[in-house]
């Protein structure tokens, strides 16, 4: 459940950035804690170690479980288990 909540928090943060700046934030996580472009948007990027990471490539969020199949653009699926469901 923490994975799904973290994904939603980041999704909301990206939408806030887009609304204020008219574009997607840069790839990576630095934009979330920077004071640039209306930030900081978060105190820190959510961390799911040792089970998963959530990555932003500049256009889509991916949930990358440390032992399973990544999801791209969603929290994942339960069958087959991907993303948060594979974490």
PDB file of N, CA and C in Angstrom:
ATOM      1  N   UNK A   1       0.811  -1.194   0.000  1.00  0.00           N
ATOM      2  CA  UNK A   1       0.000   0.000   0.000  1.00  0.00           C
ATOM      3  C   UNK A   1       0.859   1.265   0.000  1.00  0.00           C
ATOM      4  N   UNK A   2       2.009   1.228   0.681  1.00  0.00           N
ATOM      5  CA  UNK A   2       2.885   2.394   0.708  1.00  0.00           C
ATOM      6  C   UNK A   2       3.351   2.757  -0.696  1.00  0.00           C
ATOM      7  N   UNK A   3       3.618   1.760  -1.510  1.00  0.00           N
ATOM      8  CA  UNK A   3       4.048   2.002  -2.884  1.00  0.00           C
ATOM      9  C   UNK A   3       2.975   2.770  -3.647  1.00  0.00           C
ATOM     10  N   UNK A   4       1.736   2.338  -3.516  1.00  0.00           N
ATOM     11  CA  UNK A   4       0.638   2.996  -4.223  1.00  0.00           C
ATOM     12  C   UNK A   4       0.457   4.434  -3.739  1.00  0.00           C
ATOM     13  N   UNK A   5       0.565   4.649  -2.437  1.00  0.00           N
ATOM     14  CA  UNK A   5       0.443   6.001  -1.886  1.00  0.00           C
ATOM     15  C   UNK A   5       1.590   6.888  -2.357  1.00  0.00           C
ATOM     16  N   UNK A   6       2.806   6.352  -2.354  1.00  0.00           N
ATOM     17  CA  UNK A   6       3.951   7.126  -2.834  1.00  0.00           C
ATOM     18  C   UNK A   6       3.789   7.489  -4.302  1.00  0.00           C
ATOM     19  N   UNK A   7       3.307   6.554  -5.106  1.00  0.00           N
ATOM     20  CA  UNK A   7       3.077   6.819  -6.527  1.00  0.00           C
ATOM     21  C   UNK A   7       2.067   7.947  -6.686  1.00  0.00           C
ATOM     22  N   UNK A   8       1.002   7.921  -5.905  1.00  0.00           N
ATOM     23  CA  UNK A   8      -0.037   8.958  -6.000  1.00  0.00           C
ATOM     24  C   UNK A   8       0.493  10.322  -5.559  1.00  0.00           C
ATOM     25  N   UNK A   9       1.302  10.347  -4.502  1.00  0.00           N
ATOM     26  CA  UNK A   9       1.894  11.606  -4.040  1.00  0.00           C
ATOM     27  C   UNK A   9       2.766  12.209  -5.139  1.00  0.00           C
ATOM     28  N   UNK A  10       3.580  11.385  -5.776  1.00  0.00           N
ATOM     29  CA  UNK A  10       4.449  11.891  -6.835  1.00  0.00           C
ATOM     30  C   UNK A  10       3.621  12.338  -8.036  1.00  0.00           C
ATOM     31  N   UNK A  11       2.582  11.593  -8.386  1.00  0.00           N
ATOM     32  CA  UNK A  11       1.706  11.969  -9.495  1.00  0.00           C
ATOM     33  C   UNK A  11       1.087  13.342  -9.245  1.00  0.00           C
ATOM     34  N   UNK A  12       0.607  13.563  -8.042  1.00  0.00           N
ATOM     35  CA  UNK A  12       0.021  14.854  -7.675  1.00  0.00           C
ATOM     36  C   UNK A  12       1.073  15.960  -7.735  1.00  0.00           C
ATOM     37  N   UNK A  13       2.266  15.673  -7.281  1.00  0.00           N
ATOM     38  CA  UNK A  13       3.354  16.651  -7.311  1.00  0.00           C
ATOM     39  C   UNK A  13       3.702  17.034  -8.744  1.00  0.00           C
ATOM     40  N   UNK A  14       3.732  16.062  -9.643  1.00  0.00           N
ATOM     41  CA  UNK A  14       4.006  16.331 -11.058  1.00  0.00           C
ATOM     42  C   UNK A  14       2.902  17.210 -11.645  1.00  0.00           C
ATOM     43  N   UNK A  15       1.652  16.927 -11.312  1.00  0.00           N
ATOM     44  CA  UNK A  15       0.541  17.751 -11.802  1.00  0.00           C
ATOM     45  C   UNK A  15       0.637  19.175 -11.283  1.00  0.00           C
ATOM     46  N   UNK A  16       1.038  19.340 -10.029  1.00  0.00           N
ATOM     47  CA  UNK A  16       1.237  20.684  -9.470  1.00  0.00           C
ATOM     48  C   UNK A  16       2.326  21.421 -10.241  1.00  0.00           C
ATOM     49  N   UNK A  17       3.435  20.750 -10.503  1.00  0.00           N
ATOM     50  CA  UNK A  17       4.524  21.347 -11.271  1.00  0.00           C
ATOM     51  C   UNK A  17       4.032  21.766 -12.654  1.00  0.00           C
ATOM     52  N   UNK A  18       3.318  20.873 -13.329  1.00  0.00           N
ATOM     53  CA  UNK A  18       2.802  21.165 -14.664  1.00  0.00           C
ATOM     54  C   UNK A  18       1.865  22.367 -14.656  1.00  0.00           C
ATOM     55  N   UNK A  19       1.012  22.447 -13.645  1.00  0.00           N
ATOM     56  CA  UNK A  19       0.064  23.563 -13.552  1.00  0.00           C
ATOM     57  C   UNK A  19       0.786  24.894 -13.362  1.00  0.00           C
ATOM     58  N   UNK A  20       1.839  24.904 -12.586  1.00  0.00           N
ATOM     59  CA  UNK A  20       2.576  26.144 -12.327  1.00  0.00           C
ATOM     60  C   UNK A  20       3.527  26.530 -13.448  1.00  0.00           C
ATOM     61  N   UNK A  21       4.057  25.544 -14.159  1.00  0.00           N
ATOM     62  CA  UNK A  21       5.121  25.817 -15.124  1.00  0.00           C
ATOM     63  C   UNK A  21       4.754  25.543 -16.576  1.00  0.00           C
ATOM     64  N   UNK A  22       3.623  24.892 -16.820  1.00  0.00           N
ATOM     65  CA  UNK A  22       3.201  24.631 -18.187  1.00  0.00           C
ATOM     66  C   UNK A  22       3.985  23.565 -18.913  1.00  0.00           C
ATOM     67  N   UNK A  23       4.768  22.799 -18.187  1.00  0.00           N
ATOM     68  CA  UNK A  23       5.564  21.732 -18.795  1.00  0.00           C
ATOM     69  C   UNK A  23       5.876  20.673 -17.747  1.00  0.00           C
ATOM     70  N   UNK A  24       6.405  19.557 -18.212  1.00  0.00           N
ATOM     71  CA  UNK A  24       6.829  18.505 -17.293  1.00  0.00           C
ATOM     72  C   UNK A  24       8.119  18.902 -16.591  1.00  0.00           C
ATOM     73  N   UNK A  25       8.314  18.434 -15.374  1.00  0.00           N
ATOM     74  CA  UNK A  25       9.612  18.642 -14.726  1.00  0.00           C
ATOM     75  C   UNK A  25      10.683  17.801 -15.410  1.00  0.00           C
ATOM     76  N   UNK A  26      11.937  18.163 -15.184  1.00  0.00           N
ATOM     77  CA  UNK A  26      13.060  17.412 -15.735  1.00  0.00           C
ATOM     78  C   UNK A  26      13.087  15.996 -15.167  1.00  0.00           C
ATOM     79  N   UNK A  27      13.745  15.113 -15.881  1.00  0.00           N
ATOM     80  CA  UNK A  27      13.914  13.741 -15.406  1.00  0.00           C
ATOM     81  C   UNK A  27      14.672  13.738 -14.079  1.00  0.00           C
ATOM     82  N   UNK A  28      14.444  12.703 -13.295  1.00  0.00           N
ATOM     83  CA  UNK A  28      15.122  12.572 -12.015  1.00  0.00           C
ATOM     84  C   UNK A  28      14.278  13.101 -10.876  1.00  0.00           C
ATOM     85  N   UNK A  29      14.923  13.360  -9.758  1.00  0.00           N
ATOM     86  CA  UNK A  29      14.206  13.771  -8.555  1.00  0.00           C
ATOM     87  C   UNK A  29      14.601  15.149  -8.031  1.00  0.00           C
ATOM     88  N   UNK A  30      15.668  15.742  -8.555  1.00  0.00           N
ATOM     89  CA  UNK A  30      16.190  17.001  -8.013  1.00  0.00           C
ATOM     90  C   UNK A  30      15.156  18.123  -8.038  1.00  0.00           C
ATOM     91  N   UNK A  31      14.290  18.143  -9.029  1.00  0.00           N
ATOM     92  CA  UNK A  31      13.295  19.212  -9.159  1.00  0.00           C
ATOM     93  C   UNK A  31      12.322  19.247  -7.985  1.00  0.00           C
ATOM     94  N   UNK A  32      12.128  18.125  -7.306  1.00  0.00           N
ATOM     95  CA  UNK A  32      11.133  18.087  -6.227  1.00  0.00           C
ATOM     96  C   UNK A  32      11.560  18.884  -5.006  1.00  0.00           C
ATOM     97  N   UNK A  33      12.855  18.937  -4.735  1.00  0.00           N
ATOM     98  CA  UNK A  33      13.335  19.622  -3.536  1.00  0.00           C
ATOM     99  C   UNK A  33      14.012  20.955  -3.839  1.00  0.00           C
ATOM    100  N   UNK A  34      14.151  21.293  -5.119  1.00  0.00           N
ATOM    101  CA  UNK A  34      14.778  22.541  -5.534  1.00  0.00           C
ATOM    102  C   UNK A  34      13.823  23.717  -5.304  1.00  0.00           C
ATOM    103  N   UNK A  35      14.376  24.883  -5.081  1.00  0.00           N
ATOM    104  CA  UNK A  35      13.566  26.094  -4.945  1.00  0.00           C
ATOM    105  C   UNK A  35      13.211  26.695  -6.308  1.00  0.00           C
ATOM    106  N   UNK A  36      13.771  26.163  -7.373  1.00  0.00           N
ATOM    107  CA  UNK A  36      13.507  26.657  -8.724  1.00  0.00           C
ATOM    108  C   UNK A  36      12.103  26.282  -9.185  1.00  0.00           C
ATOM    109  N   UNK A  37      11.565  27.053 -10.109  1.00  0.00           N
ATOM    110  CA  UNK A  37      10.283  26.757 -10.760  1.00  0.00           C
ATOM    111  C   UNK A  37       9.119  26.558  -9.791  1.00  0.00           C
ATOM    112  N   UNK A  38       9.079  27.335  -8.738  1.00  0.00           N
ATOM    113  CA  UNK A  38       7.967  27.278  -7.798  1.00  0.00           C
ATOM    114  C   UNK A  38       8.149  26.291  -6.667  1.00  0.00           C
ATOM    115  N   UNK A  39       9.294  25.622  -6.605  1.00  0.00           N
ATOM    116  CA  UNK A  39       9.541  24.599  -5.581  1.00  0.00           C
ATOM    117  C   UNK A  39      10.002  25.199  -4.277  1.00  0.00           C
ATOM    118  N   UNK A  40      10.247  24.377  -3.324  1.00  0.00           N
ATOM    119  CA  UNK A  40      10.242  22.917  -3.401  1.00  0.00           C
ATOM    120  C   UNK A  40       8.820  22.344  -3.387  1.00  0.00           C
ATOM    121  N   UNK A  41       8.682  21.232  -4.049  1.00  0.00           N
ATOM    122  CA  UNK A  41       7.391  20.545  -4.129  1.00  0.00           C
ATOM    123  C   UNK A  41       7.267  19.435  -3.093  1.00  0.00           C
ATOM    124  N   UNK A  42       8.395  18.920  -2.636  1.00  0.00           N
ATOM    125  CA  UNK A  42       8.416  17.861  -1.622  1.00  0.00           C
ATOM    126  C   UNK A  42       9.637  18.076  -0.733  1.00  0.00           C
ATOM    127  N   UNK A  43       9.593  17.502   0.464  1.00  0.00           N
ATOM    128  CA  UNK A  43      10.772  17.539   1.323  1.00  0.00           C
ATOM    129  C   UNK A  43      11.803  16.533   0.844  1.00  0.00           C
ATOM    130  N   UNK A  44      11.321  15.381   0.379  1.00  0.00           N
ATOM    131  CA  UNK A  44      12.209  14.352  -0.158  1.00  0.00           C
ATOM    132  C   UNK A  44      11.402  13.425  -1.054  1.00  0.00           C
ATOM    133  N   UNK A  45      12.087  12.765  -1.975  1.00  0.00           N
ATOM    134  CA  UNK A  45      11.457  11.796  -2.876  1.00  0.00           C
ATOM    135  C   UNK A  45      11.138  10.541  -2.064  1.00  0.00           C
ATOM    136  N   UNK A  46       9.919   9.997  -2.159  1.00  0.00           N
ATOM    137  CA  UNK A  46       9.575   8.778  -1.413  1.00  0.00           C
ATOM    138  C   UNK A  46      10.503   7.618  -1.760  1.00  0.00           C
ATOM    139  N   UNK A  47      10.893   6.897  -0.734  1.00  0.00           N
ATOM    140  CA  UNK A  47      11.847   5.807  -0.886  1.00  0.00           C
ATOM    141  C   UNK A  47      11.194   4.499  -0.455  1.00  0.00           C
ATOM    142  N   UNK A  48      11.196   3.515  -1.322  1.00  0.00           N
ATOM    143  CA  UNK A  48      10.595   2.219  -1.011  1.00  0.00           C
ATOM    144  C   UNK A  48      11.594   1.111  -0.809  1.00  0.00           C
ATOM    145  N   UNK A  49      12.855   1.485  -0.548  1.00  0.00           N
ATOM    146  CA  UNK A  49      13.871   0.446  -0.377  1.00  0.00           C
ATOM    147  C   UNK A  49      13.566  -0.396   0.842  1.00  0.00           C
ATOM    148  N   UNK A  50      13.793  -1.657   0.837  1.00  0.00           N
ATOM    149  CA  UNK A  50      14.494  -2.429  -0.188  1.00  0.00           C
ATOM    150  C   UNK A  50      13.560  -3.094  -1.203  1.00  0.00           C
ATOM    151  N   UNK A  51      12.343  -2.610  -1.323  1.00  0.00           N
ATOM    152  CA  UNK A  51      11.354  -3.312  -2.138  1.00  0.00           C
ATOM    153  C   UNK A  51      11.154  -2.742  -3.536  1.00  0.00           C
ATOM    154  N   UNK A  52      11.222  -1.437  -3.684  1.00  0.00           N
ATOM    155  CA  UNK A  52      10.951  -0.806  -4.975  1.00  0.00           C
ATOM    156  C   UNK A  52      11.535   0.603  -5.021  1.00  0.00           C
ATOM    157  N   UNK A  53      11.601   1.150  -6.223  1.00  0.00           N
ATOM    158  CA  UNK A  53      11.901   2.564  -6.402  1.00  0.00           C
ATOM    159  C   UNK A  53      10.893   3.118  -7.394  1.00  0.00           C
ATOM    160  N   UNK A  54      10.669   4.412  -7.325  1.00  0.00           N
ATOM    161  CA  UNK A  54       9.797   5.087  -8.283  1.00  0.00           C
ATOM    162  C   UNK A  54      10.677   6.067  -9.031  1.00  0.00           C
ATOM    163  N   UNK A  55      10.653   5.961 -10.357  1.00  0.00           N
ATOM    164  CA  UNK A  55      11.539   6.757 -11.192  1.00  0.00           C
ATOM    165  C   UNK A  55      10.735   7.639 -12.140  1.00  0.00           C
ATOM    166  N   UNK A  56      11.222   8.856 -12.356  1.00  0.00           N
ATOM    167  CA  UNK A  56      10.606   9.821 -13.274  1.00  0.00           C
ATOM    168  C   UNK A  56      11.600  10.067 -14.406  1.00  0.00           C
ATOM    169  N   UNK A  57      11.180   9.821 -15.648  1.00  0.00           N
ATOM    170  CA  UNK A  57      12.079  10.000 -16.792  1.00  0.00           C
ATOM    171  C   UNK A  57      11.813  11.293 -17.559  1.00  0.00           C
ATOM    172  N   UNK A  58      10.994  12.156 -17.018  1.00  0.00           N
ATOM    173  CA  UNK A  58      10.655  13.409 -17.675  1.00  0.00           C
ATOM    174  C   UNK A  58       9.321  13.361 -18.397  1.00  0.00           C
ATOM    175  N   UNK A  59       8.771  12.148 -18.565  1.00  0.00           N
ATOM    176  CA  UNK A  59       7.455  12.039 -19.197  1.00  0.00           C
ATOM    177  C   UNK A  59       6.571  10.967 -18.572  1.00  0.00           C
ATOM    178  N   UNK A  60       7.146  10.022 -17.829  1.00  0.00           N
ATOM    179  CA  UNK A  60       6.338   8.967 -17.204  1.00  0.00           C
ATOM    180  C   UNK A  60       6.986   8.486 -15.919  1.00  0.00           C
ATOM    181  N   UNK A  61       6.135   8.121 -14.970  1.00  0.00           N
ATOM    182  CA  UNK A  61       6.604   7.501 -13.731  1.00  0.00           C
ATOM    183  C   UNK A  61       6.667   5.995 -13.935  1.00  0.00           C
ATOM    184  N   UNK A  62       7.684   5.381 -13.361  1.00  0.00           N
ATOM    185  CA  UNK A  62       7.804   3.932 -13.383  1.00  0.00           C
ATOM    186  C   UNK A  62       8.025   3.434 -11.970  1.00  0.00           C
ATOM    187  N   UNK A  63       7.361   2.331 -11.639  1.00  0.00           N
ATOM    188  CA  UNK A  63       7.626   1.644 -10.378  1.00  0.00           C
ATOM    189  C   UNK A  63       8.528   0.471 -10.732  1.00  0.00           C
ATOM    190  N   UNK A  64       9.707   0.453 -10.126  1.00  0.00           N
ATOM    191  CA  UNK A  64      10.683  -0.585 -10.416  1.00  0.00           C
ATOM    192  C   UNK A  64      10.883  -1.428  -9.158  1.00  0.00           C
ATOM    193  N   UNK A  65      10.233  -2.600  -9.103  1.00  0.00           N
ATOM    194  CA  UNK A  65      10.446  -3.475  -7.958  1.00  0.00           C
ATOM    195  C   UNK A  65      11.852  -4.069  -8.029  1.00  0.00           C
ATOM    196  N   UNK A  66      12.466  -4.310  -6.883  1.00  0.00           N
ATOM    197  CA  UNK A  66      13.826  -4.822  -6.880  1.00  0.00           C
ATOM    198  C   UNK A  66      13.887  -6.291  -7.257  1.00  0.00           C
ATOM    199  N   UNK A  67      12.741  -6.967  -7.288  1.00  0.00           N
ATOM    200  CA  UNK A  67      12.721  -8.358  -7.752  1.00  0.00           C
ATOM    201  C   UNK A  67      11.409  -8.615  -8.468  1.00  0.00           C
ATOM    202  N   UNK A  68      11.234  -8.016  -9.622  1.00  0.00           N
ATOM    203  CA  UNK A  68      10.007  -8.198 -10.385  1.00  0.00           C
ATOM    204  C   UNK A  68       9.996  -7.323 -11.617  1.00  0.00           C
ATOM    205  N   UNK A  69       8.844  -7.227 -12.239  1.00  0.00           N
ATOM    206  CA  UNK A  69       8.680  -6.495 -13.486  1.00  0.00           C
ATOM    207  C   UNK A  69       8.233  -5.062 -13.217  1.00  0.00           C
ATOM    208  N   UNK A  70       8.897  -4.117 -13.859  1.00  0.00           N
ATOM    209  CA  UNK A  70       8.568  -2.706 -13.693  1.00  0.00           C
ATOM    210  C   UNK A  70       7.246  -2.370 -14.359  1.00  0.00           C
ATOM    211  N   UNK A  71       6.614  -1.321 -13.864  1.00  0.00           N
ATOM    212  CA  UNK A  71       5.438  -0.758 -14.525  1.00  0.00           C
ATOM    213  C   UNK A  71       5.840   0.601 -15.061  1.00  0.00           C
ATOM    214  N   UNK A  72       5.213   1.025 -16.131  1.00  0.00           N
ATOM    215  CA  UNK A  72       5.551   2.311 -16.736  1.00  0.00           C
ATOM    216  C   UNK A  72       4.264   3.109 -16.905  1.00  0.00           C
ATOM    217  N   UNK A  73       4.158   4.211 -16.149  1.00  0.00           N
ATOM    218  CA  UNK A  73       2.993   5.073 -16.257  1.00  0.00           C
ATOM    219  C   UNK A  73       1.842   4.705 -15.346  1.00  0.00           C
ATOM    220  N   UNK A  74       2.019   3.680 -14.513  1.00  0.00           N
ATOM    221  CA  UNK A  74       0.952   3.280 -13.589  1.00  0.00           C
ATOM    222  C   UNK A  74       1.568   2.607 -12.366  1.00  0.00           C
ATOM    223  N   UNK A  75       0.706   2.314 -11.380  1.00  0.00           N
ATOM    224  CA  UNK A  75       1.199   1.603 -10.196  1.00  0.00           C
ATOM    225  C   UNK A  75       1.503   0.152 -10.500  1.00  0.00           C
ATOM    226  N   UNK A  76       1.010  -0.355 -11.617  1.00  0.00           N
ATOM    227  CA  UNK A  76       1.243  -1.732 -12.000  1.00  0.00           C
ATOM    228  C   UNK A  76      -0.047  -2.521 -12.035  1.00  0.00           C
ATOM    229  N   UNK A  77       0.088  -3.803 -12.205  1.00  0.00           N
ATOM    230  CA  UNK A  77      -1.067  -4.700 -12.277  1.00  0.00           C
ATOM    231  C   UNK A  77      -0.866  -5.878 -11.339  1.00  0.00           C
ATOM    232  N   UNK A  78      -1.983  -6.460 -10.903  1.00  0.00           N
ATOM    233  CA  UNK A  78      -1.891  -7.605 -10.005  1.00  0.00           C
ATOM    234  C   UNK A  78      -1.689  -8.920 -10.753  1.00  0.00           C
ATOM    235  N   UNK A  79      -2.162  -9.000 -11.996  1.00  0.00           N
ATOM    236  CA  UNK A  79      -1.997 -10.227 -12.778  1.00  0.00           C
ATOM    237  C   UNK A  79      -1.709  -9.871 -14.219  1.00  0.00           C
ATOM    238  N   UNK A  80      -0.512 -10.023 -14.697  1.00  0.00           N
ATOM    239  CA  UNK A  80       0.663 -10.458 -13.951  1.00  0.00           C
ATOM    240  C   UNK A  80       1.151  -9.365 -13.006  1.00  0.00           C
ATOM    241  N   UNK A  81       1.843  -9.752 -11.975  1.00  0.00           N
ATOM    242  CA  UNK A  81       2.314  -8.803 -10.962  1.00  0.00           C
ATOM    243  C   UNK A  81       3.416  -7.910 -11.520  1.00  0.00           C
ATOM    244  N   UNK A  82       3.119  -6.613 -11.603  1.00  0.00           N
ATOM    245  CA  UNK A  82       4.092  -5.627 -12.057  1.00  0.00           C
ATOM    246  C   UNK A  82       4.067  -4.439 -11.102  1.00  0.00           C
ATOM    247  N   UNK A  83       5.090  -3.621 -11.159  1.00  0.00           N
ATOM    248  CA  UNK A  83       5.128  -2.394 -10.376  1.00  0.00           C
ATOM    249  C   UNK A  83       4.942  -2.636  -8.893  1.00  0.00           C
ATOM    250  N   UNK A  84       4.046  -1.870  -8.282  1.00  0.00           N
ATOM    251  CA  UNK A  84       3.802  -1.991  -6.837  1.00  0.00           C
ATOM    252  C   UNK A  84       3.358  -3.396  -6.446  1.00  0.00           C
ATOM    253  N   UNK A  85       2.663  -4.077  -7.326  1.00  0.00           N
ATOM    254  CA  UNK A  85       2.159  -5.409  -7.007  1.00  0.00           C
ATOM    255  C   UNK A  85       3.268  -6.465  -7.038  1.00  0.00           C
ATOM    256  N   UNK A  86       4.385  -6.161  -7.664  1.00  0.00           N
ATOM    257  CA  UNK A  86       5.520  -7.081  -7.704  1.00  0.00           C
ATOM    258  C   UNK A  86       6.557  -6.759  -6.638  1.00  0.00           C
ATOM    259  N   UNK A  87       6.354  -5.647  -5.946  1.00  0.00           N
ATOM    260  CA  UNK A  87       7.324  -5.213  -4.932  1.00  0.00           C
ATOM    261  C   UNK A  87       7.195  -6.042  -3.677  1.00  0.00           C
TER     262      UNK A  87
END
